[in-house]
PDB file of N, CA and C in Angstrom:
ATOM      1  N   UNK A   1     108.115  91.111  94.075  1.00  0.00           N
ATOM      2  CA  UNK A   1     107.769  92.067  92.995  1.00  0.00           C
ATOM      3  C   UNK A   1     107.728  91.150  91.639  1.00  0.00           C
ATOM      4  N   UNK A   2     108.327  90.128  91.626  1.00  0.00           N
ATOM      5  CA  UNK A   2     108.185  89.228  90.530  1.00  0.00           C
ATOM      6  C   UNK A   2     106.711  88.508  90.426  1.00  0.00           C
ATOM      7  N   UNK A   3     106.255  88.184  91.714  1.00  0.00           N
ATOM      8  CA  UNK A   3     104.801  87.646  91.765  1.00  0.00           C
ATOM      9  C   UNK A   3     103.830  88.720  91.164  1.00  0.00           C
ATOM     10  N   UNK A   4     104.142  90.162  91.539  1.00  0.00           N
ATOM     11  CA  UNK A   4     103.071  90.961  91.318  1.00  0.00           C
ATOM     12  C   UNK A   4     103.273  91.388  89.890  1.00  0.00           C
ATOM     13  N   UNK A   5     104.361  91.441  89.479  1.00  0.00           N
ATOM     14  CA  UNK A   5     104.822  91.818  87.924  1.00  0.00           C
ATOM     15  C   UNK A   5     104.230  90.512  86.896  1.00  0.00           C
ATOM     16  N   UNK A   6     104.280  89.141  87.267  1.00  0.00           N
ATOM     17  CA  UNK A   6     103.652  88.264  86.526  1.00  0.00           C
ATOM     18  C   UNK A   6     102.353  88.277  86.818  1.00  0.00           C
ATOM     19  N   UNK A   7     101.640  88.676  87.750  1.00  0.00           N
ATOM     20  CA  UNK A   7     100.290  88.717  87.812  1.00  0.00           C
ATOM     21  C   UNK A   7      99.507  89.336  86.738  1.00  0.00           C
ATOM     22  N   UNK A   8     100.183  90.484  86.448  1.00  0.00           N
ATOM     23  CA  UNK A   8      99.586  91.464  85.486  1.00  0.00           C
ATOM     24  C   UNK A   8      99.260  90.712  84.092  1.00  0.00           C
ATOM     25  N   UNK A   9     100.348  90.177  83.288  1.00  0.00           N
ATOM     26  CA  UNK A   9      99.903  89.641  82.239  1.00  0.00           C
ATOM     27  C   UNK A   9      99.119  88.067  82.374  1.00  0.00           C
ATOM     28  N   UNK A  10      99.416  87.766  83.331  1.00  0.00           N
ATOM     29  CA  UNK A  10      98.733  86.260  83.735  1.00  0.00           C
ATOM     30  C   UNK A  10      97.231  86.598  83.821  1.00  0.00           C
ATOM     31  N   UNK A  11      96.673  87.809  84.421  1.00  0.00           N
ATOM     32  CA  UNK A  11      95.386  88.041  84.871  1.00  0.00           C
ATOM     33  C   UNK A  11      94.778  88.684  83.503  1.00  0.00           C
ATOM     34  N   UNK A  12      95.477  89.269  82.587  1.00  0.00           N
ATOM     35  CA  UNK A  12      95.135  89.952  81.258  1.00  0.00           C
ATOM     36  C   UNK A  12      94.804  88.575  80.337  1.00  0.00           C
ATOM     37  N   UNK A  13      95.845  87.692  80.270  1.00  0.00           N
ATOM     38  CA  UNK A  13      95.318  86.489  79.654  1.00  0.00           C
ATOM     39  C   UNK A  13      94.230  85.599  79.870  1.00  0.00           C
ATOM     40  N   UNK A  14      94.166  85.467  81.227  1.00  0.00           N
ATOM     41  CA  UNK A  14      93.121  84.874  81.764  1.00  0.00           C
ATOM     42  C   UNK A  14      91.604  85.510  81.594  1.00  0.00           C
ATOM     43  N   UNK A  15      91.734  86.811  81.710  1.00  0.00           N
ATOM     44  CA  UNK A  15      90.607  87.413  81.240  1.00  0.00           C
ATOM     45  C   UNK A  15      90.076  87.459  80.032  1.00  0.00           C
ATOM     46  N   UNK A  16      91.062  87.633  79.000  1.00  0.00           N
ATOM     47  CA  UNK A  16      90.967  87.281  77.645  1.00  0.00           C
ATOM     48  C   UNK A  16      90.028  86.045  77.286  1.00  0.00           C
ATOM     49  N   UNK A  17      90.593  85.084  77.885  1.00  0.00           N
ATOM     50  CA  UNK A  17      89.939  83.645  77.832  1.00  0.00           C
ATOM     51  C   UNK A  17      88.562  83.536  78.347  1.00  0.00           C
ATOM     52  N   UNK A  18      87.879  84.516  78.957  1.00  0.00           N
ATOM     53  CA  UNK A  18      86.551  84.440  79.728  1.00  0.00           C
ATOM     54  C   UNK A  18      85.710  84.854  78.621  1.00  0.00           C
ATOM     55  N   UNK A  19      84.426  84.154  78.916  1.00  0.00           N
ATOM     56  CA  UNK A  19      83.450  84.499  77.857  1.00  0.00           C
ATOM     57  C   UNK A  19      82.379  85.537  78.218  1.00  0.00           C
ATOM     58  N   UNK A  20      82.363  85.972  79.597  1.00  0.00           N
ATOM     59  CA  UNK A  20      81.551  86.991  79.841  1.00  0.00           C
ATOM     60  C   UNK A  20      82.196  87.987  80.107  1.00  0.00           C
ATOM     61  N   UNK A  21      81.534  89.488  79.765  1.00  0.00           N
ATOM     62  CA  UNK A  21      82.226  90.672  79.945  1.00  0.00           C
ATOM     63  C   UNK A  21      82.546  90.917  81.257  1.00  0.00           C
ATOM     64  N   UNK A  22      81.543  90.507  82.246  1.00  0.00           N
ATOM     65  CA  UNK A  22      81.734  90.653  83.749  1.00  0.00           C
ATOM     66  C   UNK A  22      83.213  89.852  84.241  1.00  0.00           C
ATOM     67  N   UNK A  23      83.440  88.664  83.779  1.00  0.00           N
ATOM     68  CA  UNK A  23      84.644  87.850  84.069  1.00  0.00           C
ATOM     69  C   UNK A  23      85.764  88.745  83.484  1.00  0.00           C
ATOM     70  N   UNK A  24      85.752  89.097  82.137  1.00  0.00           N
ATOM     71  CA  UNK A  24      86.823  89.676  81.591  1.00  0.00           C
ATOM     72  C   UNK A  24      87.022  91.110  82.433  1.00  0.00           C
ATOM     73  N   UNK A  25      86.069  91.866  82.771  1.00  0.00           N
ATOM     74  CA  UNK A  25      86.426  93.237  83.661  1.00  0.00           C
ATOM     75  C   UNK A  25      87.129  92.656  84.880  1.00  0.00           C
ATOM     76  N   UNK A  26      86.722  91.669  85.587  1.00  0.00           N
ATOM     77  CA  UNK A  26      87.170  91.480  86.819  1.00  0.00           C
ATOM     78  C   UNK A  26      88.517  91.168  86.846  1.00  0.00           C
ATOM     79  N   UNK A  27      89.135  90.219  85.768  1.00  0.00           N
ATOM     80  CA  UNK A  27      90.406  89.885  85.622  1.00  0.00           C
ATOM     81  C   UNK A  27      91.436  91.112  85.148  1.00  0.00           C
ATOM     82  N   UNK A  28      90.861  92.019  84.361  1.00  0.00           N
ATOM     83  CA  UNK A  28      91.406  93.458  83.953  1.00  0.00           C
ATOM     84  C   UNK A  28      91.872  94.190  85.109  1.00  0.00           C
ATOM     85  N   UNK A  29      90.777  94.127  86.141  1.00  0.00           N
ATOM     86  CA  UNK A  29      90.786  94.898  87.403  1.00  0.00           C
ATOM     87  C   UNK A  29      91.779  94.422  88.513  1.00  0.00           C
ATOM     88  N   UNK A  30      91.995  93.070  88.613  1.00  0.00           N
ATOM     89  CA  UNK A  30      92.968  92.251  89.211  1.00  0.00           C
ATOM     90  C   UNK A  30      94.244  92.738  88.603  1.00  0.00           C
ATOM     91  N   UNK A  31      94.349  92.906  87.359  1.00  0.00           N
ATOM     92  CA  UNK A  31      95.719  92.959  86.794  1.00  0.00           C
ATOM     93  C   UNK A  31      95.881  94.593  87.196  1.00  0.00           C
ATOM     94  N   UNK A  32      95.028  95.415  86.962  1.00  0.00           N
ATOM     95  CA  UNK A  32      95.495  96.966  87.485  1.00  0.00           C
ATOM     96  C   UNK A  32      95.741  96.918  88.890  1.00  0.00           C
ATOM     97  N   UNK A  33      95.142  96.335  89.772  1.00  0.00           N
ATOM     98  CA  UNK A  33      95.644  96.203  91.169  1.00  0.00           C
ATOM     99  C   UNK A  33      97.341  95.614  91.294  1.00  0.00           C
ATOM    100  N   UNK A  34      97.401  94.676  90.485  1.00  0.00           N
ATOM    101  CA  UNK A  34      98.794  94.109  90.369  1.00  0.00           C
ATOM    102  C   UNK A  34      99.779  95.270  90.041  1.00  0.00           C
ATOM    103  N   UNK A  35      99.496  96.236  88.940  1.00  0.00           N
ATOM    104  CA  UNK A  35     100.285  97.385  88.686  1.00  0.00           C
ATOM    105  C   UNK A  35     100.495  98.185  90.069  1.00  0.00           C
ATOM    106  N   UNK A  36      99.315  98.517  90.663  1.00  0.00           N
ATOM    107  CA  UNK A  36      99.711  99.316  91.664  1.00  0.00           C
ATOM    108  C   UNK A  36     100.045  98.714  92.923  1.00  0.00           C
ATOM    109  N   UNK A  37     100.283  97.342  92.913  1.00  0.00           N
ATOM    110  CA  UNK A  37     100.987  96.693  93.977  1.00  0.00           C
ATOM    111  C   UNK A  37     102.669  96.753  93.609  1.00  0.00           C
ATOM    112  N   UNK A  38     102.811  96.573  92.309  1.00  0.00           N
ATOM    113  CA  UNK A  38     104.068  96.969  91.906  1.00  0.00           C
ATOM    114  C   UNK A  38     104.753  98.279  92.102  1.00  0.00           C
ATOM    115  N   UNK A  39     103.829  99.180  91.966  1.00  0.00           N
ATOM    116  CA  UNK A  39     104.407 100.520  91.980  1.00  0.00           C
ATOM    117  C   UNK A  39     104.577 100.805  93.667  1.00  0.00           C
ATOM    118  N   UNK A  40     103.881 100.289  94.293  1.00  0.00           N
ATOM    119  CA  UNK A  40     104.160 100.228  95.988  1.00  0.00           C
ATOM    120  C   UNK A  40     105.273  99.659  96.444  1.00  0.00           C
ATOM    121  N   UNK A  41     105.767  98.491  95.804  1.00  0.00           N
ATOM    122  CA  UNK A  41     107.021  98.020  96.184  1.00  0.00           C
ATOM    123  C   UNK A  41     108.122  98.844  95.575  1.00  0.00           C
ATOM    124  N   UNK A  42     107.918  99.395  94.355  1.00  0.00           N
ATOM    125  CA  UNK A  42     108.979 100.211  93.578  1.00  0.00           C
ATOM    126  C   UNK A  42     109.279 101.605  94.767  1.00  0.00           C
ATOM    127  N   UNK A  43     108.167 102.037  94.973  1.00  0.00           N
ATOM    128  CA  UNK A  43     108.370 103.175  96.098  1.00  0.00           C
ATOM    129  C   UNK A  43     108.792 102.994  97.407  1.00  0.00           C
ATOM    130  N   UNK A  44     108.656 101.773  97.987  1.00  0.00           N
ATOM    131  CA  UNK A  44     109.402 101.130  99.070  1.00  0.00           C
ATOM    132  C   UNK A  44     110.941 101.095  98.901  1.00  0.00           C
ATOM    133  N   UNK A  45     111.205 100.334  97.597  1.00  0.00           N
ATOM    134  CA  UNK A  45     112.516 100.205  97.358  1.00  0.00           C
ATOM    135  C   UNK A  45     113.179 101.780  97.090  1.00  0.00           C
ATOM    136  N   UNK A  46     112.563 102.638  96.450  1.00  0.00           N
ATOM    137  CA  UNK A  46     112.956 103.973  96.364  1.00  0.00           C
ATOM    138  C   UNK A  46     113.405 104.739  97.566  1.00  0.00           C
ATOM    139  N   UNK A  47     112.426 104.532  98.534  1.00  0.00           N
ATOM    140  CA  UNK A  47     112.616 105.037  99.846  1.00  0.00           C
ATOM    141  C   UNK A  47     113.442 104.622 100.676  1.00  0.00           C
ATOM    142  N   UNK A  48     113.744 103.244 100.732  1.00  0.00           N
ATOM    143  CA  UNK A  48     114.637 102.634 101.554  1.00  0.00           C
ATOM    144  C   UNK A  48     116.018 102.751 101.140  1.00  0.00           C
ATOM    145  N   UNK A  49     116.324 103.044  99.767  1.00  0.00           N
ATOM    146  CA  UNK A  49     117.508 103.231  98.806  1.00  0.00           C
ATOM    147  C   UNK A  49     117.944 101.859  98.660  1.00  0.00           C
ATOM    148  N   UNK A  50     117.352 100.847  98.654  1.00  0.00           N
ATOM    149  CA  UNK A  50     117.697  99.544  98.323  1.00  0.00           C
ATOM    150  C   UNK A  50     118.322  99.175  97.022  1.00  0.00           C
ATOM    151  N   UNK A  51     117.648  99.807  96.321  1.00  0.00           N
ATOM    152  CA  UNK A  51     118.378  99.436  94.833  1.00  0.00           C
ATOM    153  C   UNK A  51     118.557 100.936  94.118  1.00  0.00           C
ATOM    154  N   UNK A  52     119.784 101.161  93.834  1.00  0.00           N
ATOM    155  CA  UNK A  52     120.146 102.475  93.298  1.00  0.00           C
ATOM    156  C   UNK A  52     120.350 102.283  91.720  1.00  0.00           C
ATOM    157  N   UNK A  53     120.506 101.268  91.016  1.00  0.00           N
ATOM    158  CA  UNK A  53     120.622 101.226  89.661  1.00  0.00           C
ATOM    159  C   UNK A  53     119.194 101.354  88.928  1.00  0.00           C
ATOM    160  N   UNK A  54     118.152 101.587  89.499  1.00  0.00           N
ATOM    161  CA  UNK A  54     116.831 101.574  88.960  1.00  0.00           C
ATOM    162  C   UNK A  54     116.248 102.836  88.602  1.00  0.00           C
ATOM    163  N   UNK A  55     115.856 103.167  87.162  1.00  0.00           N
ATOM    164  CA  UNK A  55     115.364 104.429  86.907  1.00  0.00           C
ATOM    165  C   UNK A  55     113.695 104.527  87.489  1.00  0.00           C
ATOM    166  N   UNK A  56     113.556 104.655  88.552  1.00  0.00           N
ATOM    167  CA  UNK A  56     111.958 104.611  89.213  1.00  0.00           C
ATOM    168  C   UNK A  56     111.237 105.559  88.258  1.00  0.00           C
ATOM    169  N   UNK A  57     111.527 106.668  87.941  1.00  0.00           N
ATOM    170  CA  UNK A  57     110.749 107.625  86.931  1.00  0.00           C
ATOM    171  C   UNK A  57     110.299 106.705  85.682  1.00  0.00           C
ATOM    172  N   UNK A  58     111.165 106.099  85.085  1.00  0.00           N
ATOM    173  CA  UNK A  58     110.891 105.433  83.999  1.00  0.00           C
ATOM    174  C   UNK A  58     109.874 104.275  84.310  1.00  0.00           C
ATOM    175  N   UNK A  59     110.028 103.543  85.440  1.00  0.00           N
ATOM    176  CA  UNK A  59     108.997 102.475  85.810  1.00  0.00           C
ATOM    177  C   UNK A  59     107.653 102.942  86.324  1.00  0.00           C
ATOM    178  N   UNK A  60     107.679 104.136  86.807  1.00  0.00           N
ATOM    179  CA  UNK A  60     106.360 104.737  87.146  1.00  0.00           C
ATOM    180  C   UNK A  60     105.635 105.164  85.977  1.00  0.00           C
ATOM    181  N   UNK A  61     106.279 105.698  84.993  1.00  0.00           N
ATOM    182  CA  UNK A  61     105.798 106.178  83.762  1.00  0.00           C
ATOM    183  C   UNK A  61     105.316 104.717  82.787  1.00  0.00           C
ATOM    184  N   UNK A  62     105.901 103.761  83.008  1.00  0.00           N
ATOM    185  CA  UNK A  62     105.647 102.547  82.299  1.00  0.00           C
ATOM    186  C   UNK A  62     104.261 102.072  82.964  1.00  0.00           C
ATOM    187  N   UNK A  63     104.269 102.166  84.313  1.00  0.00           N
ATOM    188  CA  UNK A  63     103.196 101.456  85.180  1.00  0.00           C
ATOM    189  C   UNK A  63     101.841 102.337  84.798  1.00  0.00           C
ATOM    190  N   UNK A  64     102.031 103.779  84.548  1.00  0.00           N
ATOM    191  CA  UNK A  64     100.928 104.515  84.074  1.00  0.00           C
ATOM    192  C   UNK A  64     100.346 103.972  82.844  1.00  0.00           C
ATOM    193  N   UNK A  65     101.513 103.694  81.838  1.00  0.00           N
ATOM    194  CA  UNK A  65     101.003 103.410  80.499  1.00  0.00           C
ATOM    195  C   UNK A  65     100.064 102.052  80.534  1.00  0.00           C
ATOM    196  N   UNK A  66     100.563 101.182  81.338  1.00  0.00           N
ATOM    197  CA  UNK A  66      99.981  99.758  81.575  1.00  0.00           C
ATOM    198  C   UNK A  66      98.613 100.244  81.885  1.00  0.00           C
ATOM    199  N   UNK A  67      98.427 100.918  83.060  1.00  0.00           N
ATOM    200  CA  UNK A  67      97.005 101.283  83.701  1.00  0.00           C
ATOM    201  C   UNK A  67      96.184 101.836  82.458  1.00  0.00           C
ATOM    202  N   UNK A  68      96.691 102.657  81.651  1.00  0.00           N
ATOM    203  CA  UNK A  68      95.979 103.207  80.393  1.00  0.00           C
ATOM    204  C   UNK A  68      95.573 102.240  79.637  1.00  0.00           C
ATOM    205  N   UNK A  69      96.330 101.221  79.247  1.00  0.00           N
ATOM    206  CA  UNK A  69      96.205 100.165  78.345  1.00  0.00           C
ATOM    207  C   UNK A  69      94.997  99.117  78.931  1.00  0.00           C
ATOM    208  N   UNK A  70      95.306  98.769  80.231  1.00  0.00           N
ATOM    209  CA  UNK A  70      94.265  98.295  80.912  1.00  0.00           C
ATOM    210  C   UNK A  70      92.955  98.833  80.843  1.00  0.00           C
ATOM    211  N   UNK A  71      92.707 100.194  81.101  1.00  0.00           N
ATOM    212  CA  UNK A  71      91.474 100.946  81.081  1.00  0.00           C
ATOM    213  C   UNK A  71      90.962 100.909  79.761  1.00  0.00           C
ATOM    214  N   UNK A  72      91.743 100.916  78.715  1.00  0.00           N
ATOM    215  CA  UNK A  72      91.536 100.631  77.023  1.00  0.00           C
ATOM    216  C   UNK A  72      90.781  99.452  76.837  1.00  0.00           C
ATOM    217  N   UNK A  73      91.584  98.436  77.485  1.00  0.00           N
ATOM    218  CA  UNK A  73      90.843  97.023  77.020  1.00  0.00           C
ATOM    219  C   UNK A  73      89.406  96.948  77.730  1.00  0.00           C
ATOM    220  N   UNK A  74      89.511  97.533  79.014  1.00  0.00           N
ATOM    221  CA  UNK A  74      88.072  97.489  79.762  1.00  0.00           C
ATOM    222  C   UNK A  74      86.985  98.185  78.929  1.00  0.00           C
ATOM    223  N   UNK A  75      87.346  99.059  78.261  1.00  0.00           N
ATOM    224  CA  UNK A  75      86.399  99.898  77.609  1.00  0.00           C
ATOM    225  C   UNK A  75      85.881  99.330  76.326  1.00  0.00           C
ATOM    226  N   UNK A  76      86.752  98.311  75.761  1.00  0.00           N
ATOM    227  CA  UNK A  76      86.613  97.787  74.466  1.00  0.00           C
ATOM    228  C   UNK A  76      85.435  96.837  74.495  1.00  0.00           C
ATOM    229  N   UNK A  77      85.068  96.215  75.744  1.00  0.00           N
ATOM    230  CA  UNK A  77      84.121  95.350  75.877  1.00  0.00           C
ATOM    231  C   UNK A  77      82.530  95.537  75.547  1.00  0.00           C
TER     232      UNK A  77
END
């Protein structure tokens, strides 16, 4: 979960540092994939009832917001 979570801002940063629009878009797409990977892990935790102290609905809403922000970033190019 940590690796997937850290991959999101790392790919955004790396994409922002690229010169071509194609490279930037690729890294934003990878970041979005990491969001989905994180959501999948959250769903597994929820289903297996491994962690009860987590507000899963809040985390899902945050993941949706991050995906919207990534979409906005990719559209501004």
